[in-house]
Amino acid sequence: MAKRPPHDFWADAETRMIQPYQANKTYLCPGCNRDIPPGTGHIVAVPPEAADLRRHWHKGCWNGRATRGPRNR
């Protein structure tokens, strides 16, 4: 039996790019479990129907989320 790719929970998420000058806080990226420091451009993803699950991602982690799992701290 062929393996099915895992469902991407974030596939339908609304995304927007945060410019470095807009990034005023430190966030934890769910893709790599590392900090996104202030002044770093990144992506905010909001799943449909679940605004409380909004997450901030490094751009590379967002783009590679289908091919790798989260990194342990």
Protein backbone atom coordinates (compact mmCIF):
# COMPACT_ATOMS: atom_id res chain seq x y z
CA MET A 1 0.00 0.00 0.00
CA ALA A 2 1.36 3.42 -0.94
CA LYS A 3 2.02 5.94 1.82
CA ARG A 4 -0.22 8.97 1.77
CA PRO A 5 1.45 12.30 2.43
CA PRO A 6 0.50 13.75 5.82
CA HIS A 7 -2.25 16.34 5.80
CA ASP A 8 -0.87 19.87 5.90
CA PHE A 9 -2.91 21.60 8.61
CA TRP A 10 -1.56 24.92 7.35
CA ALA A 11 -2.38 24.39 3.65
CA ASP A 12 -5.45 26.65 3.72
CA ALA A 13 -4.04 29.20 6.15
CA GLU A 14 -4.20 32.87 5.33
CA THR A 15 -0.65 34.21 5.25
CA ARG A 16 0.99 37.59 5.24
CA MET A 17 4.58 38.73 5.19
CA ILE A 18 5.80 40.73 8.17
CA GLN A 19 8.49 43.20 7.13
CA PRO A 20 11.52 43.63 9.40
CA TYR A 21 10.42 47.13 10.48
CA GLN A 22 7.04 45.67 11.54
CA ALA A 23 8.54 42.88 13.68
CA ASN A 24 8.68 44.31 17.19
CA LYS A 25 8.50 41.17 19.32
CA THR A 26 10.21 37.79 19.64
CA TYR A 27 8.15 34.83 18.39
CA LEU A 28 8.77 31.08 18.45
CA CYS A 29 8.70 29.48 15.01
CA PRO A 30 6.72 26.19 15.06
CA GLY A 31 8.77 24.88 12.12
CA CYS A 32 12.15 24.88 13.87
CA ASN A 33 11.33 25.75 17.49
CA ARG A 34 13.74 28.66 17.39
CA ASP A 35 13.15 32.31 18.12
CA ILE A 36 12.30 34.86 15.47
CA PRO A 37 13.95 37.95 16.96
CA PRO A 38 12.61 41.51 16.60
CA GLY A 39 13.62 43.09 13.31
CA THR A 40 13.42 39.80 11.38
CA GLY A 41 11.01 39.54 8.47
CA HIS A 42 8.79 36.46 8.69
CA ILE A 43 5.39 34.99 7.79
CA VAL A 44 2.24 35.00 9.90
CA ALA A 45 -0.15 32.12 9.16
CA VAL A 46 -3.74 32.01 10.40
CA PRO A 47 -5.71 28.79 9.85
CA PRO A 48 -9.27 29.32 8.59
CA GLU A 49 -11.85 29.19 11.37
CA ALA A 50 -9.09 29.15 14.03
CA ALA A 51 -7.65 32.65 14.46
CA ASP A 52 -6.45 31.69 17.95
CA LEU A 53 -3.96 29.29 16.31
CA ARG A 54 -2.11 32.11 14.51
CA ARG A 55 1.61 31.36 14.29
CA HIS A 56 4.73 33.24 13.19
CA TRP A 57 7.12 31.28 10.94
CA HIS A 58 10.57 31.85 9.44
CA LYS A 59 10.06 32.08 5.69
CA GLY A 60 12.29 29.04 5.06
CA CYS A 61 10.46 26.98 7.68
CA TRP A 62 7.11 27.91 6.16
CA ASN A 63 8.25 26.96 2.67
CA GLY A 64 9.76 23.66 3.87
CA ARG A 65 7.04 22.60 6.30
CA ALA A 66 5.85 19.73 4.07
CA THR A 67 9.28 18.11 3.87
CA ARG A 68 10.51 18.28 7.45
CA GLY A 69 9.16 18.07 10.97
CA PRO A 70 9.74 20.44 13.88
CA ARG A 71 13.22 20.54 15.37
CA ASN A 72 13.59 19.59 19.02
CA ARG A 73 15.04 22.34 21.17
